[in-house]
Amino acid sequence: MSLPSFFPILVATTLAFGGAAALAQSQQYREQEVLDPATGTWGELPEPPPDPPTDELGRARTLLAEGNWRGANRLLKRWLEENGDHDRYLEGVFLYGESYFERGWYWEAYEQYEIVAEQGSGELFQLALRRETDVARAFLAGKKRRVLRIFWIVAYDDGIKILDRVWERTPGTRLGEIALKLKADYFFNTGELQSAQDEYVNLAREYPAGRFTRFAALRAAEAAAAAFPGIAYDERPLLNAQERYQEVLRVYPEYAQQQRVEERLSGIRSQRAEKDLYVAKWYERTGRRGAAEFYYRQILADWPETLAAAEAESRLRGLGFESVETGGAP
């Protein structure tokens, strides 16, 4: 057969085989698609759902993710009873604690986390301590703990003790830093100002380059200032506050400017002037003119730009001292 006569046959055969292959490929793709009856178009088959976990701890995690704490709790309790020597036993204990935490039974959760913290290591140890911190946070926020499966009691002290244990186990870490801050914030917010001051000072000392160091230094000063009960009482808290604010001003000048530390120091000076004015008035009221004069003049010397100084000068003139500068009596 000559080439010219053979060529059309070759082309036709090639097209036939090519068309058949394309049709087979099209059918193969069509088998992987699904017809949308609403639009009449073909689209890809949806991904099949993932296989459910085959191990019981995996199933427990799924139940917890679905919010089924009760089912997870039952499954894990049975698994722990049957697998005391399993190499994933502590993982099961941790998940058992999670089932209690999701229920809001924080003390029961803490007891499980504590087992993991005492016996575990590595990532599981860290997870347990983070969750213990969450339990403490819940208690300090007012969540109650169950006693004898009947009574519910406040657990602020338990929250503090848990944070102490977390700090003891993780000194120098970010988690330890958070534990100290939570304690200090709790004392500050509940008005336990001396404890708050001590904890903030400890936080700043233990973490000199930490995230909360400036904040802790400022809060220590605020706690000291807030501890001053009034001008009729000892001014030592004001002296502590003044010293702490001055330290913030020296070490963190930009932060001090943002937090208006100079204004706060001015307020403390005014309070100290009012304290001296109170003492001077007491001496005046009890007829001890010399002591009253001494304190009034001391106010003018120490706190010249305060309202107390203006009143002290007025009081001196009222007592008959014509010259405030010389102190001359009539």
Protein backbone atom coordinates (compact mmCIF):
# COMPACT_ATOMS: atom_id res chain seq x y z
CA MET A 1 0.00 0.00 0.00
CA SER A 2 1.38 3.34 -0.93
CA LEU A 3 1.88 6.06 1.71
CA PRO A 4 -0.75 8.42 0.28
CA SER A 5 -3.42 5.73 0.42
CA PHE A 6 -2.34 4.49 3.88
CA PHE A 7 -2.23 7.94 5.54
CA PRO A 8 -6.01 8.56 5.71
CA ILE A 9 -6.51 5.12 7.28
CA LEU A 10 -3.78 5.87 9.89
CA VAL A 11 -5.33 9.21 10.76
CA ALA A 12 -8.82 7.75 11.09
CA THR A 13 -7.55 4.93 13.26
CA THR A 14 -5.64 7.34 15.50
CA LEU A 15 -8.66 9.58 15.89
CA ALA A 16 -10.83 6.61 16.70
CA PHE A 17 -8.48 5.36 19.38
CA GLY A 18 -7.96 8.91 20.70
CA GLY A 19 -11.68 9.52 20.86
CA ALA A 20 -12.22 6.25 22.69
CA ALA A 21 -9.50 7.10 25.20
CA ALA A 22 -10.92 10.58 25.77
CA LEU A 23 -14.39 9.11 26.23
CA ALA A 24 -13.05 6.57 28.76
CA GLN A 25 -11.20 9.33 30.61
CA SER A 26 -14.34 11.48 30.59
CA GLN A 27 -16.36 8.61 31.99
CA GLN A 28 -13.70 8.03 34.63
CA TYR A 29 -13.86 11.69 35.71
CA ARG A 30 -17.66 11.57 35.57
CA GLU A 31 -17.58 8.63 38.00
CA GLN A 32 -15.75 10.96 40.45
CA GLU A 33 -18.41 13.65 40.14
CA VAL A 34 -21.95 14.03 41.36
CA LEU A 35 -24.91 15.67 39.62
CA ASP A 36 -26.42 18.67 41.41
CA PRO A 37 -30.18 18.33 40.74
CA ALA A 38 -30.76 22.01 41.52
CA THR A 39 -28.42 23.29 38.79
CA GLY A 40 -28.11 20.26 36.53
CA THR A 41 -24.32 20.50 36.66
CA TRP A 42 -21.73 17.96 37.65
CA GLY A 43 -19.37 18.62 40.55
CA GLU A 44 -16.76 16.82 42.61
CA LEU A 45 -17.85 14.28 45.16
CA PRO A 46 -17.68 15.63 48.73
CA GLU A 47 -14.83 14.44 50.90
CA PRO A 48 -15.87 11.42 52.97
CA PRO A 49 -16.11 12.11 56.71
CA PRO A 50 -13.01 11.18 58.67
CA ASP A 51 -13.02 7.79 60.28
CA PRO A 52 -13.94 7.92 63.96
CA PRO A 53 -11.01 7.38 66.33
CA THR A 54 -10.47 3.74 67.05
CA ASP A 55 -8.81 4.09 70.49
CA GLU A 56 -10.78 4.99 73.59
CA LEU A 57 -8.69 8.04 74.49
CA GLY A 58 -9.30 9.37 71.00
CA ARG A 59 -13.02 8.79 71.42
CA ALA A 60 -12.87 10.61 74.76
CA ARG A 61 -11.25 13.61 73.08
CA THR A 62 -13.99 13.61 70.47
CA LEU A 63 -16.68 13.52 73.14
CA LEU A 64 -15.06 16.44 74.96
CA ALA A 65 -14.81 18.42 71.73
CA GLU A 66 -18.53 17.80 71.19
CA GLY A 67 -19.34 19.04 74.70
CA ASN A 68 -20.34 15.57 75.91
CA TRP A 69 -18.43 15.72 79.20
CA ARG A 70 -20.66 13.07 80.81
CA GLY A 71 -19.96 10.48 78.13
CA ALA A 72 -16.24 11.27 78.23
CA ASN A 73 -16.22 11.02 82.02
CA ARG A 74 -17.82 7.57 82.00
CA LEU A 75 -15.56 6.28 79.24
CA LEU A 76 -12.40 7.57 80.91
CA LYS A 77 -13.33 6.28 84.35
CA ARG A 78 -13.75 2.77 82.95
CA TRP A 79 -10.56 3.04 80.88
CA LEU A 80 -8.48 4.17 83.86
CA GLU A 81 -9.80 1.32 86.00
CA GLU A 82 -8.80 -1.20 83.34
CA ASN A 83 -5.47 0.31 82.23
CA GLY A 84 -3.51 1.25 85.33
CA ASP A 85 -0.23 0.12 83.75
CA HIS A 86 -0.85 1.57 80.28
CA ASP A 87 1.89 3.81 78.89
CA ARG A 88 -0.78 6.46 78.16
CA TYR A 89 -2.32 6.24 81.62
CA LEU A 90 -1.41 9.83 82.62
CA GLU A 91 -2.87 11.12 79.37
CA GLY A 92 -6.09 9.40 80.39
CA VAL A 93 -5.93 10.99 83.83
CA PHE A 94 -5.48 14.41 82.26
CA LEU A 95 -8.50 13.88 80.00
CA TYR A 96 -10.47 12.66 83.01
CA GLY A 97 -9.66 15.99 84.65
CA GLU A 98 -10.80 17.77 81.49
CA SER A 99 -14.20 16.06 81.72
CA TYR A 100 -14.64 17.45 85.23
CA PHE A 101 -13.41 20.89 84.22
CA GLU A 102 -15.92 21.08 81.38
CA ARG A 103 -18.65 20.21 83.89
CA GLY A 104 -17.56 23.02 86.22
CA TRP A 105 -16.40 20.67 88.96
CA TYR A 106 -13.08 22.43 89.30
CA TRP A 107 -11.76 20.79 92.44
CA GLU A 108 -12.29 17.30 91.01
CA ALA A 109 -10.51 18.47 87.86
CA TYR A 110 -7.64 19.84 89.94
CA GLU A 111 -7.20 16.51 91.73
CA GLN A 112 -6.65 14.78 88.38
CA TYR A 113 -4.30 17.48 87.09
CA GLU A 114 -2.33 17.20 90.31
CA ILE A 115 -1.76 13.47 89.73
CA VAL A 116 -0.34 14.31 86.30
CA ALA A 117 1.81 17.14 87.71
CA GLU A 118 3.26 14.86 90.38
CA GLN A 119 3.96 11.89 88.14
CA GLY A 120 4.30 13.34 84.65
CA SER A 121 6.93 15.25 82.74
CA GLY A 122 7.41 17.19 79.53
CA GLU A 123 4.45 18.59 77.66
CA LEU A 124 1.87 16.71 79.74
CA PHE A 125 3.36 18.16 82.93
CA GLN A 126 3.13 21.67 81.48
CA LEU A 127 -0.45 21.10 80.32
CA ALA A 128 -1.47 19.95 83.78
CA LEU A 129 0.02 23.04 85.44
CA ARG A 130 -1.62 25.36 82.93
CA ARG A 131 -4.97 23.76 83.69
CA GLU A 132 -4.30 24.03 87.43
CA THR A 133 -3.76 27.73 86.83
CA ASP A 134 -7.13 27.85 85.08
CA VAL A 135 -8.73 26.17 88.10
CA ALA A 136 -7.15 28.77 90.40
CA ARG A 137 -8.36 31.55 88.13
CA ALA A 138 -11.91 30.15 88.34
CA PHE A 139 -11.78 29.95 92.14
CA LEU A 140 -10.45 33.51 92.47
CA ALA A 141 -13.26 34.67 90.18
CA GLY A 142 -15.79 33.27 92.64
CA LYS A 143 -16.45 29.78 91.33
CA LYS A 144 -17.19 27.34 94.13
CA ARG A 145 -15.88 23.87 94.89
CA ARG A 146 -17.95 20.84 95.77
CA VAL A 147 -17.61 19.28 99.23
CA LEU A 148 -18.98 15.83 100.11
CA ARG A 149 -20.77 15.89 96.74
CA ILE A 150 -23.48 18.01 98.38
CA PHE A 151 -22.21 21.41 99.53
CA TRP A 152 -20.68 24.19 97.46
CA ILE A 153 -18.25 26.56 99.17
CA VAL A 154 -16.14 29.53 98.07
CA ALA A 155 -12.57 28.55 97.31
CA TYR A 156 -10.50 31.74 97.25
CA ASP A 157 -7.89 30.27 99.61
CA ASP A 158 -7.69 27.14 97.49
CA GLY A 159 -7.04 29.30 94.44
CA ILE A 160 -4.14 31.04 96.17
CA LYS A 161 -2.66 27.72 97.35
CA ILE A 162 -2.86 26.29 93.83
CA LEU A 163 -1.03 29.31 92.42
CA ASP A 164 1.64 28.94 95.09
CA ARG A 165 2.21 25.34 94.02
CA VAL A 166 2.35 26.27 90.36
CA TRP A 167 4.95 28.94 91.14
CA GLU A 168 7.02 26.53 93.23
CA ARG A 169 7.13 24.09 90.34
CA THR A 170 7.83 26.59 87.57
CA PRO A 171 10.03 29.42 88.90
CA GLY A 172 11.49 31.62 86.20
CA THR A 173 8.98 30.49 83.58
CA ARG A 174 6.16 32.41 81.90
CA LEU A 175 3.62 30.23 83.71
CA GLY A 176 5.23 31.07 87.04
CA GLU A 177 5.09 34.76 86.14
CA ILE A 178 1.36 34.48 85.41
CA ALA A 179 0.79 32.68 88.72
CA LEU A 180 2.47 35.49 90.68
CA LYS A 181 0.52 38.17 88.82
CA LEU A 182 -2.81 36.42 89.40
CA LYS A 183 -2.08 36.33 93.13
CA ALA A 184 -1.05 39.98 93.27
CA ASP A 185 -4.07 41.10 91.24
CA TYR A 186 -6.42 39.15 93.49
CA PHE A 187 -5.03 40.78 96.66
CA PHE A 188 -5.15 44.23 95.06
CA ASN A 189 -8.73 43.84 93.86
CA THR A 190 -9.93 42.53 97.22
CA GLY A 191 -8.28 45.34 99.21
CA GLU A 192 -5.56 43.19 100.83
CA LEU A 193 -3.13 45.96 100.03
CA GLN A 194 -0.08 44.91 102.02
CA SER A 195 -0.21 41.43 100.51
CA ALA A 196 -0.72 42.98 97.09
CA GLN A 197 2.27 45.25 97.56
CA ASP A 198 4.45 42.32 98.63
CA GLU A 199 3.37 40.17 95.69
CA TYR A 200 3.92 42.90 93.10
CA VAL A 201 7.37 43.60 94.52
CA ASN A 202 8.11 39.86 94.34
CA LEU A 203 6.86 39.73 90.75
CA ALA A 204 9.10 42.62 89.69
CA ARG A 205 12.08 41.12 91.52
CA GLU A 206 11.67 37.59 90.14
CA TYR A 207 11.08 38.79 86.56
CA PRO A 208 13.17 41.95 86.05
CA ALA A 209 12.80 41.63 82.27
CA GLY A 210 9.33 40.12 82.31
CA ARG A 211 6.12 41.23 80.63
CA PHE A 212 4.65 42.71 83.81
CA THR A 213 7.69 44.28 85.46
CA ARG A 214 6.74 47.95 84.90
CA PHE A 215 3.13 47.22 85.69
CA ALA A 216 4.12 45.44 88.91
CA ALA A 217 6.35 48.33 90.03
CA LEU A 218 3.51 50.81 89.44
CA ARG A 219 0.92 48.61 91.14
CA ALA A 220 3.16 48.23 94.20
CA ALA A 221 3.18 52.02 94.51
CA GLU A 222 -0.59 52.20 93.98
CA ALA A 223 -1.14 49.55 96.65
CA ALA A 224 1.02 51.48 99.11
CA ALA A 225 -0.84 54.73 98.39
CA ALA A 226 -4.22 53.03 98.72
CA ALA A 227 -3.18 51.60 102.10
CA PHE A 228 -3.08 55.10 103.63
CA PRO A 229 -6.27 55.24 105.74
CA GLY A 230 -6.42 59.02 106.16
CA ILE A 231 -4.74 62.07 107.66
CA ALA A 232 -5.57 61.01 111.21
CA TYR A 233 -3.31 57.96 110.83
CA ASP A 234 0.34 57.09 110.35
CA GLU A 235 1.73 58.40 107.07
CA ARG A 236 4.11 55.49 106.52
CA PRO A 237 2.07 54.10 103.57
CA LEU A 238 2.42 57.49 101.86
CA LEU A 239 6.17 57.41 102.35
CA ASN A 240 6.32 53.92 100.85
CA ALA A 241 4.16 55.00 97.92
CA GLN A 242 6.30 58.08 97.30
CA GLU A 243 9.46 55.98 97.29
CA ARG A 244 7.96 53.44 94.89
CA TYR A 245 6.61 56.08 92.51
CA GLN A 246 10.00 57.79 92.45
CA GLU A 247 11.57 54.43 91.55
CA VAL A 248 9.15 54.03 88.63
CA LEU A 249 10.00 57.57 87.53
CA ARG A 250 13.72 56.82 87.67
CA VAL A 251 13.71 53.39 85.99
CA TYR A 252 10.85 53.80 83.50
CA PRO A 253 10.65 57.52 82.65
CA GLU A 254 8.51 57.14 79.51
CA TYR A 255 6.12 54.71 81.19
CA ALA A 256 5.97 57.04 84.21
CA GLN A 257 4.98 59.90 81.95
CA GLN A 258 2.23 57.78 80.38
CA GLN A 259 0.93 56.84 83.83
CA ARG A 260 1.14 60.44 85.14
CA VAL A 261 3.44 59.52 87.98
CA GLU A 262 4.46 63.14 88.56
CA GLU A 263 0.83 64.03 89.21
CA ARG A 264 0.51 61.11 91.61
CA LEU A 265 3.58 62.29 93.49
CA SER A 266 2.06 65.76 93.67
CA GLY A 267 -1.06 64.20 95.18
CA ILE A 268 1.02 62.41 97.80
CA ARG A 269 2.76 65.69 98.70
CA SER A 270 -0.66 67.29 99.18
CA GLN A 271 -1.76 64.42 101.42
CA ARG A 272 1.37 64.71 103.54
CA ALA A 273 0.81 68.46 103.83
CA GLU A 274 -2.79 67.82 104.94
CA LYS A 275 -1.46 65.37 107.50
CA ASP A 276 0.85 68.02 108.99
CA LEU A 277 -1.97 70.56 108.90
CA TYR A 278 -4.16 68.16 110.87
CA VAL A 279 -1.44 67.86 113.53
CA ALA A 280 -0.92 71.63 113.68
CA LYS A 281 -4.66 72.24 114.12
CA TRP A 282 -4.77 69.68 116.91
CA TYR A 283 -2.03 71.52 118.79
CA GLU A 284 -3.81 74.83 118.19
CA ARG A 285 -7.09 73.35 119.39
CA THR A 286 -5.50 72.06 122.60
CA GLY A 287 -3.92 75.45 123.37
CA ARG A 288 -0.33 74.51 122.55
CA ARG A 289 0.49 77.59 120.48
CA GLY A 290 4.21 76.94 120.19
CA ALA A 291 3.79 73.45 118.77
CA ALA A 292 1.03 74.68 116.44
CA GLU A 293 3.27 77.47 115.16
CA PHE A 294 6.10 75.00 114.58
CA TYR A 295 3.93 72.73 112.41
CA TYR A 296 2.36 75.59 110.48
CA ARG A 297 5.79 76.95 109.63
CA GLN A 298 6.99 73.45 108.73
CA ILE A 299 4.17 73.16 106.23
CA LEU A 300 5.20 76.44 104.63
CA ALA A 301 8.77 75.18 104.34
CA ASP A 302 8.07 71.62 103.15
CA TRP A 303 4.93 72.04 101.06
CA PRO A 304 4.92 75.64 99.84
CA GLU A 305 2.78 75.10 96.74
CA THR A 306 -0.10 73.24 98.41
CA LEU A 307 -3.50 74.32 99.64
CA ALA A 308 -2.40 73.27 103.11
CA ALA A 309 0.37 75.89 102.95
CA ALA A 310 -2.12 78.65 102.18
CA GLU A 311 -4.24 77.60 105.13
CA ALA A 312 -1.19 77.32 107.40
CA GLU A 313 -0.24 80.91 106.62
CA SER A 314 -3.77 82.04 107.36
CA ARG A 315 -3.75 80.17 110.65
CA LEU A 316 -0.46 81.74 111.68
CA ARG A 317 -1.87 85.21 111.10
CA GLY A 318 -4.99 84.21 113.00
CA LEU A 319 -2.80 83.28 115.94
CA GLY A 320 -1.32 86.79 115.81
CA PHE A 321 2.01 86.03 114.19
CA GLU A 322 2.47 89.13 112.04
CA SER A 323 5.54 88.01 110.17
CA VAL A 324 5.41 84.55 108.80
CA GLU A 325 9.10 84.82 107.78
CA THR A 326 10.40 85.80 111.20
CA GLY A 327 7.86 84.05 113.31
CA GLY A 328 7.45 87.13 115.46
CA ALA A 329 4.62 87.00 118.00
CA PRO A 330 2.43 90.00 118.86
